[in-house]
N, C-alpha and C. Protein backbone atom coordinates (compact mmCIF):
# COMPACT_ATOMS: atom_id res chain seq x y z
N MET A 1 0.85 -1.17 0.00
CA MET A 1 0.00 0.00 0.00
C MET A 1 0.90 1.24 0.00
N SER A 2 0.55 2.22 -0.81
CA SER A 2 1.37 3.42 -0.91
C SER A 2 1.24 4.28 0.35
N TYR A 3 2.21 5.17 0.52
CA TYR A 3 2.26 6.00 1.72
C TYR A 3 0.99 6.84 1.88
N HIS A 4 0.52 7.45 0.79
CA HIS A 4 -0.67 8.31 0.94
C HIS A 4 -1.90 7.50 1.31
N ASN A 5 -2.00 6.25 0.83
CA ASN A 5 -3.13 5.39 1.24
C ASN A 5 -3.02 5.02 2.72
N GLU A 6 -1.81 4.71 3.17
CA GLU A 6 -1.60 4.39 4.58
C GLU A 6 -1.92 5.60 5.46
N LEU A 7 -1.49 6.78 5.01
CA LEU A 7 -1.76 8.01 5.76
C LEU A 7 -3.26 8.26 5.83
N GLY A 8 -3.97 8.03 4.73
CA GLY A 8 -5.42 8.21 4.71
C GLY A 8 -6.12 7.26 5.67
N LYS A 9 -5.70 6.01 5.71
CA LYS A 9 -6.30 5.04 6.64
C LYS A 9 -6.00 5.42 8.09
N LEU A 10 -4.78 5.88 8.36
CA LEU A 10 -4.42 6.33 9.70
C LEU A 10 -5.28 7.53 10.10
N GLY A 11 -5.47 8.46 9.17
CA GLY A 11 -6.32 9.61 9.44
C GLY A 11 -7.74 9.22 9.79
N GLU A 12 -8.28 8.22 9.09
CA GLU A 12 -9.63 7.76 9.39
C GLU A 12 -9.70 7.15 10.79
N LEU A 13 -8.67 6.41 11.19
CA LEU A 13 -8.64 5.84 12.54
C LEU A 13 -8.57 6.94 13.60
N ILE A 14 -7.79 7.97 13.34
CA ILE A 14 -7.70 9.12 14.26
C ILE A 14 -9.07 9.79 14.36
N ALA A 15 -9.73 9.99 13.22
CA ALA A 15 -11.05 10.63 13.19
C ALA A 15 -12.09 9.78 13.93
N LEU A 16 -12.06 8.47 13.73
CA LEU A 16 -12.99 7.59 14.43
C LEU A 16 -12.81 7.69 15.94
N ALA A 17 -11.57 7.66 16.40
CA ALA A 17 -11.30 7.76 17.84
C ALA A 17 -11.77 9.10 18.39
N TYR A 18 -11.53 10.17 17.64
CA TYR A 18 -11.96 11.52 18.04
C TYR A 18 -13.48 11.59 18.18
N LEU A 19 -14.20 11.09 17.18
CA LEU A 19 -15.66 11.14 17.22
C LEU A 19 -16.23 10.30 18.35
N LYS A 20 -15.68 9.11 18.54
CA LYS A 20 -16.14 8.24 19.64
C LYS A 20 -15.92 8.92 20.99
N LYS A 21 -14.79 9.59 21.15
CA LYS A 21 -14.49 10.29 22.40
C LYS A 21 -15.51 11.38 22.69
N LEU A 22 -16.07 11.97 21.63
CA LEU A 22 -17.07 13.02 21.78
C LEU A 22 -18.49 12.47 21.92
N GLY A 23 -18.63 11.15 21.89
CA GLY A 23 -19.94 10.53 22.07
C GLY A 23 -20.69 10.23 20.80
N TYR A 24 -20.06 10.37 19.65
CA TYR A 24 -20.70 10.02 18.40
C TYR A 24 -20.83 8.49 18.33
N ILE A 25 -21.93 8.02 17.76
CA ILE A 25 -22.13 6.59 17.54
C ILE A 25 -21.80 6.30 16.08
N ILE A 26 -20.80 5.47 15.86
CA ILE A 26 -20.35 5.15 14.51
C ILE A 26 -21.30 4.10 13.92
N LEU A 27 -21.92 4.46 12.81
CA LEU A 27 -22.84 3.55 12.13
C LEU A 27 -22.17 2.81 10.98
N GLU A 28 -21.30 3.49 10.27
CA GLU A 28 -20.59 2.91 9.13
C GLU A 28 -19.21 3.53 9.02
N HIS A 29 -18.27 2.73 8.54
CA HIS A 29 -16.92 3.21 8.22
C HIS A 29 -16.61 2.70 6.82
N ASN A 30 -16.27 3.60 5.93
CA ASN A 30 -16.02 3.29 4.52
C ASN A 30 -17.26 2.68 3.86
N PHE A 31 -18.34 3.44 3.85
CA PHE A 31 -19.57 3.03 3.20
C PHE A 31 -19.48 3.33 1.71
N TYR A 32 -19.78 2.33 0.89
CA TYR A 32 -19.71 2.49 -0.56
C TYR A 32 -21.09 2.37 -1.18
N TYR A 33 -21.34 3.23 -2.16
CA TYR A 33 -22.53 3.13 -2.98
C TYR A 33 -22.12 3.53 -4.40
N GLN A 34 -22.23 2.58 -5.31
CA GLN A 34 -21.78 2.76 -6.69
C GLN A 34 -20.33 3.26 -6.68
N LYS A 35 -20.06 4.43 -7.22
CA LYS A 35 -18.68 4.94 -7.25
C LYS A 35 -18.38 5.89 -6.10
N ALA A 36 -19.29 6.01 -5.17
CA ALA A 36 -19.15 6.95 -4.06
C ALA A 36 -18.71 6.24 -2.79
N GLU A 37 -17.94 6.96 -1.99
CA GLU A 37 -17.54 6.46 -0.67
C GLU A 37 -17.77 7.55 0.37
N ILE A 38 -18.29 7.12 1.50
CA ILE A 38 -18.39 8.00 2.66
C ILE A 38 -17.46 7.41 3.71
N ASP A 39 -16.53 8.22 4.20
CA ASP A 39 -15.55 7.72 5.16
C ASP A 39 -16.20 7.27 6.46
N ILE A 40 -17.08 8.11 7.02
CA ILE A 40 -17.72 7.79 8.30
C ILE A 40 -19.16 8.27 8.27
N ILE A 41 -20.06 7.41 8.73
CA ILE A 41 -21.45 7.80 8.98
C ILE A 41 -21.68 7.56 10.46
N ALA A 42 -22.14 8.60 11.14
CA ALA A 42 -22.33 8.52 12.59
C ALA A 42 -23.64 9.19 12.97
N SER A 43 -24.05 8.96 14.21
CA SER A 43 -25.17 9.71 14.74
C SER A 43 -24.71 10.40 16.02
N HIS A 44 -25.30 11.57 16.26
CA HIS A 44 -24.95 12.35 17.44
C HIS A 44 -26.08 13.33 17.71
N LYS A 45 -26.62 13.26 18.90
CA LYS A 45 -27.68 14.20 19.32
C LYS A 45 -28.81 14.30 18.30
N ASP A 46 -29.40 13.18 17.96
CA ASP A 46 -30.52 13.13 17.03
C ASP A 46 -30.21 13.71 15.66
N MET A 47 -28.99 13.53 15.20
CA MET A 47 -28.59 13.99 13.88
C MET A 47 -27.72 12.93 13.22
N LEU A 48 -27.87 12.78 11.92
CA LEU A 48 -27.01 11.90 11.14
C LEU A 48 -25.84 12.73 10.64
N ILE A 49 -24.63 12.24 10.87
CA ILE A 49 -23.43 12.98 10.50
C ILE A 49 -22.69 12.21 9.41
N ILE A 50 -22.50 12.83 8.27
CA ILE A 50 -21.77 12.26 7.15
C ILE A 50 -20.40 12.94 7.15
N VAL A 51 -19.32 12.15 7.26
CA VAL A 51 -18.00 12.73 7.47
C VAL A 51 -17.02 12.34 6.36
N GLU A 52 -16.36 13.33 5.81
CA GLU A 52 -15.23 13.13 4.91
C GLU A 52 -13.97 13.44 5.70
N VAL A 53 -13.02 12.51 5.68
CA VAL A 53 -11.75 12.69 6.38
C VAL A 53 -10.68 12.97 5.34
N LYS A 54 -9.94 14.07 5.52
CA LYS A 54 -8.83 14.40 4.63
C LYS A 54 -7.58 14.52 5.47
N THR A 55 -6.58 13.73 5.13
CA THR A 55 -5.32 13.70 5.88
C THR A 55 -4.17 14.02 4.95
N ARG A 56 -3.32 14.90 5.40
CA ARG A 56 -2.10 15.26 4.67
C ARG A 56 -0.94 15.29 5.66
N ASN A 57 0.28 15.18 5.13
CA ASN A 57 1.43 15.24 6.04
C ASN A 57 1.92 16.67 6.24
N SER A 58 1.40 17.62 5.47
CA SER A 58 1.70 19.04 5.69
C SER A 58 0.63 19.85 4.97
N ASN A 59 0.65 21.15 5.21
CA ASN A 59 -0.28 22.02 4.48
C ASN A 59 0.46 22.84 3.42
N PHE A 60 1.61 22.35 2.99
CA PHE A 60 2.43 23.05 2.01
C PHE A 60 1.66 23.36 0.73
N PHE A 61 0.87 22.40 0.26
CA PHE A 61 0.11 22.58 -0.97
C PHE A 61 -1.32 23.04 -0.71
N GLY A 62 -1.67 23.25 0.54
CA GLY A 62 -3.02 23.67 0.91
C GLY A 62 -3.51 22.87 2.09
N ASN A 63 -4.52 23.38 2.74
CA ASN A 63 -5.09 22.69 3.89
C ASN A 63 -5.90 21.48 3.43
N PRO A 64 -5.93 20.42 4.23
CA PRO A 64 -6.60 19.19 3.81
C PRO A 64 -8.05 19.40 3.36
N GLN A 65 -8.79 20.21 4.06
CA GLN A 65 -10.20 20.42 3.73
C GLN A 65 -10.40 21.04 2.35
N GLU A 66 -9.39 21.70 1.84
CA GLU A 66 -9.49 22.33 0.52
C GLU A 66 -9.47 21.31 -0.61
N PHE A 67 -9.17 20.05 -0.30
CA PHE A 67 -9.08 19.01 -1.31
C PHE A 67 -10.39 18.21 -1.45
N VAL A 68 -11.45 18.68 -0.82
CA VAL A 68 -12.77 18.07 -1.01
C VAL A 68 -13.40 18.78 -2.21
N SER A 69 -13.41 18.09 -3.33
CA SER A 69 -13.85 18.70 -4.59
C SER A 69 -15.37 18.72 -4.71
N PRO A 70 -15.89 19.58 -5.57
CA PRO A 70 -17.33 19.57 -5.84
C PRO A 70 -17.81 18.20 -6.33
N ASN A 71 -17.00 17.51 -7.11
CA ASN A 71 -17.36 16.17 -7.57
C ASN A 71 -17.49 15.21 -6.39
N LYS A 72 -16.55 15.26 -5.46
CA LYS A 72 -16.58 14.42 -4.26
C LYS A 72 -17.83 14.73 -3.44
N ILE A 73 -18.14 16.00 -3.29
CA ILE A 73 -19.33 16.41 -2.54
C ILE A 73 -20.58 15.81 -3.19
N GLY A 74 -20.68 15.89 -4.51
CA GLY A 74 -21.82 15.33 -5.22
C GLY A 74 -21.96 13.83 -5.01
N LEU A 75 -20.84 13.12 -5.04
CA LEU A 75 -20.87 11.67 -4.81
C LEU A 75 -21.28 11.34 -3.38
N MET A 76 -20.77 12.12 -2.41
CA MET A 76 -21.14 11.90 -1.02
C MET A 76 -22.63 12.12 -0.80
N VAL A 77 -23.18 13.16 -1.39
CA VAL A 77 -24.60 13.45 -1.25
C VAL A 77 -25.43 12.31 -1.84
N LYS A 78 -25.01 11.80 -2.99
CA LYS A 78 -25.71 10.68 -3.63
C LYS A 78 -25.68 9.44 -2.73
N ALA A 79 -24.51 9.12 -2.17
CA ALA A 79 -24.38 7.96 -1.29
C ALA A 79 -25.17 8.15 0.01
N ALA A 80 -25.14 9.36 0.55
CA ALA A 80 -25.87 9.64 1.79
C ALA A 80 -27.37 9.51 1.56
N ASP A 81 -27.84 10.02 0.43
CA ASP A 81 -29.26 9.91 0.10
C ASP A 81 -29.68 8.44 0.02
N TYR A 82 -28.87 7.63 -0.63
CA TYR A 82 -29.15 6.19 -0.71
C TYR A 82 -29.19 5.56 0.68
N TYR A 83 -28.18 5.87 1.50
CA TYR A 83 -28.10 5.29 2.84
C TYR A 83 -29.33 5.67 3.68
N ILE A 84 -29.71 6.91 3.60
CA ILE A 84 -30.86 7.40 4.37
C ILE A 84 -32.14 6.71 3.93
N ARG A 85 -32.35 6.60 2.62
CA ARG A 85 -33.56 5.95 2.11
C ARG A 85 -33.58 4.46 2.42
N GLU A 86 -32.46 3.78 2.21
CA GLU A 86 -32.39 2.33 2.43
C GLU A 86 -32.58 1.94 3.90
N ASN A 87 -32.17 2.81 4.79
CA ASN A 87 -32.27 2.53 6.23
C ASN A 87 -33.42 3.25 6.91
N ALA A 88 -34.26 3.90 6.10
CA ALA A 88 -35.44 4.61 6.60
C ALA A 88 -35.08 5.53 7.78
N ILE A 89 -34.02 6.28 7.60
CA ILE A 89 -33.56 7.20 8.65
C ILE A 89 -34.34 8.49 8.56
N GLU A 90 -34.85 8.94 9.69
CA GLU A 90 -35.65 10.16 9.73
C GLU A 90 -34.95 11.28 10.49
N LEU A 91 -33.64 11.19 10.59
CA LEU A 91 -32.86 12.23 11.26
C LEU A 91 -32.43 13.29 10.25
N GLU A 92 -32.23 14.50 10.74
CA GLU A 92 -31.64 15.54 9.91
C GLU A 92 -30.18 15.15 9.66
N ALA A 93 -29.69 15.41 8.44
CA ALA A 93 -28.31 15.05 8.09
C ALA A 93 -27.43 16.29 8.02
N ARG A 94 -26.18 16.08 8.41
CA ARG A 94 -25.17 17.15 8.38
C ARG A 94 -23.92 16.58 7.73
N PHE A 95 -23.24 17.38 6.93
CA PHE A 95 -22.00 16.97 6.28
C PHE A 95 -20.81 17.68 6.93
N ASP A 96 -19.90 16.90 7.47
CA ASP A 96 -18.72 17.43 8.15
C ASP A 96 -17.45 17.03 7.40
N ILE A 97 -16.41 17.79 7.63
CA ILE A 97 -15.07 17.42 7.17
C ILE A 97 -14.16 17.40 8.39
N ILE A 98 -13.39 16.33 8.51
CA ILE A 98 -12.33 16.29 9.52
C ILE A 98 -11.01 16.36 8.76
N ALA A 99 -10.28 17.44 9.00
CA ALA A 99 -9.00 17.68 8.34
C ALA A 99 -7.87 17.38 9.32
N ILE A 100 -6.92 16.56 8.88
CA ILE A 100 -5.84 16.13 9.75
C ILE A 100 -4.50 16.39 9.08
N ILE A 101 -3.60 16.99 9.84
CA ILE A 101 -2.19 17.07 9.45
C ILE A 101 -1.47 16.09 10.36
N LYS A 102 -0.79 15.10 9.77
CA LYS A 102 -0.12 14.07 10.55
C LYS A 102 1.23 13.76 9.91
N ASN A 103 2.28 13.98 10.69
CA ASN A 103 3.62 13.58 10.27
C ASN A 103 4.40 13.17 11.51
N LYS A 104 5.70 13.00 11.38
CA LYS A 104 6.51 12.51 12.51
C LYS A 104 6.53 13.47 13.70
N THR A 105 6.37 14.76 13.46
CA THR A 105 6.48 15.74 14.54
C THR A 105 5.17 16.43 14.89
N GLU A 106 4.15 16.21 14.10
CA GLU A 106 2.91 16.97 14.29
C GLU A 106 1.69 16.10 14.05
N GLN A 107 0.66 16.33 14.86
CA GLN A 107 -0.67 15.78 14.60
C GLN A 107 -1.67 16.85 14.98
N HIS A 108 -2.41 17.31 14.00
CA HIS A 108 -3.37 18.39 14.21
C HIS A 108 -4.69 18.00 13.53
N LEU A 109 -5.80 18.14 14.26
CA LEU A 109 -7.11 17.79 13.74
C LEU A 109 -8.03 18.99 13.84
N GLU A 110 -8.73 19.27 12.76
CA GLU A 110 -9.76 20.31 12.73
C GLU A 110 -11.07 19.65 12.29
N HIS A 111 -12.15 19.93 13.03
CA HIS A 111 -13.46 19.36 12.71
C HIS A 111 -14.35 20.49 12.20
N TYR A 112 -14.72 20.42 10.94
CA TYR A 112 -15.58 21.42 10.33
C TYR A 112 -17.00 20.87 10.25
N LYS A 113 -17.85 21.34 11.15
CA LYS A 113 -19.24 20.91 11.16
C LYS A 113 -20.01 21.72 10.12
N ASP A 114 -21.01 21.09 9.50
CA ASP A 114 -21.77 21.75 8.42
C ASP A 114 -20.81 22.33 7.39
N ALA A 115 -19.87 21.52 6.95
CA ALA A 115 -18.83 21.99 6.03
C ALA A 115 -19.38 22.38 4.66
N PHE A 116 -20.47 21.74 4.27
CA PHE A 116 -21.14 22.11 3.03
C PHE A 116 -22.59 21.68 3.12
N TYR A 117 -23.41 22.25 2.27
CA TYR A 117 -24.83 21.95 2.26
C TYR A 117 -25.15 21.06 1.06
N HIS A 118 -26.13 20.22 1.21
CA HIS A 118 -26.42 19.20 0.22
C HIS A 118 -27.49 19.60 -0.78
N PHE A 119 -27.85 20.85 -0.84
CA PHE A 119 -28.87 21.27 -1.81
C PHE A 119 -28.31 22.27 -2.77
């Protein structure tokens, strides 16, 4: 597995631990629908939380959250819509981004709630 894939998986584990510590209930990790992937689906305080995790080893080329493209957002919305309908979920949904900088000397996590809107 390449370094960036390993870093991405490590970032997801960091994000999962962070969310669990805050009392989020993890419903899915790496949920796939057609060509779309949602890193984490959780519930918290009567809300469904759809989470994209972006991990980089530095912000030299930009902050991790800046790498969530409009195409990725569209795919996430499509997958979330499917998940909600298939599981008959009646909770309000929110889309978050967890941005992580992780290298040998630094680990920094930023949680962007309501990072984008799905309409």
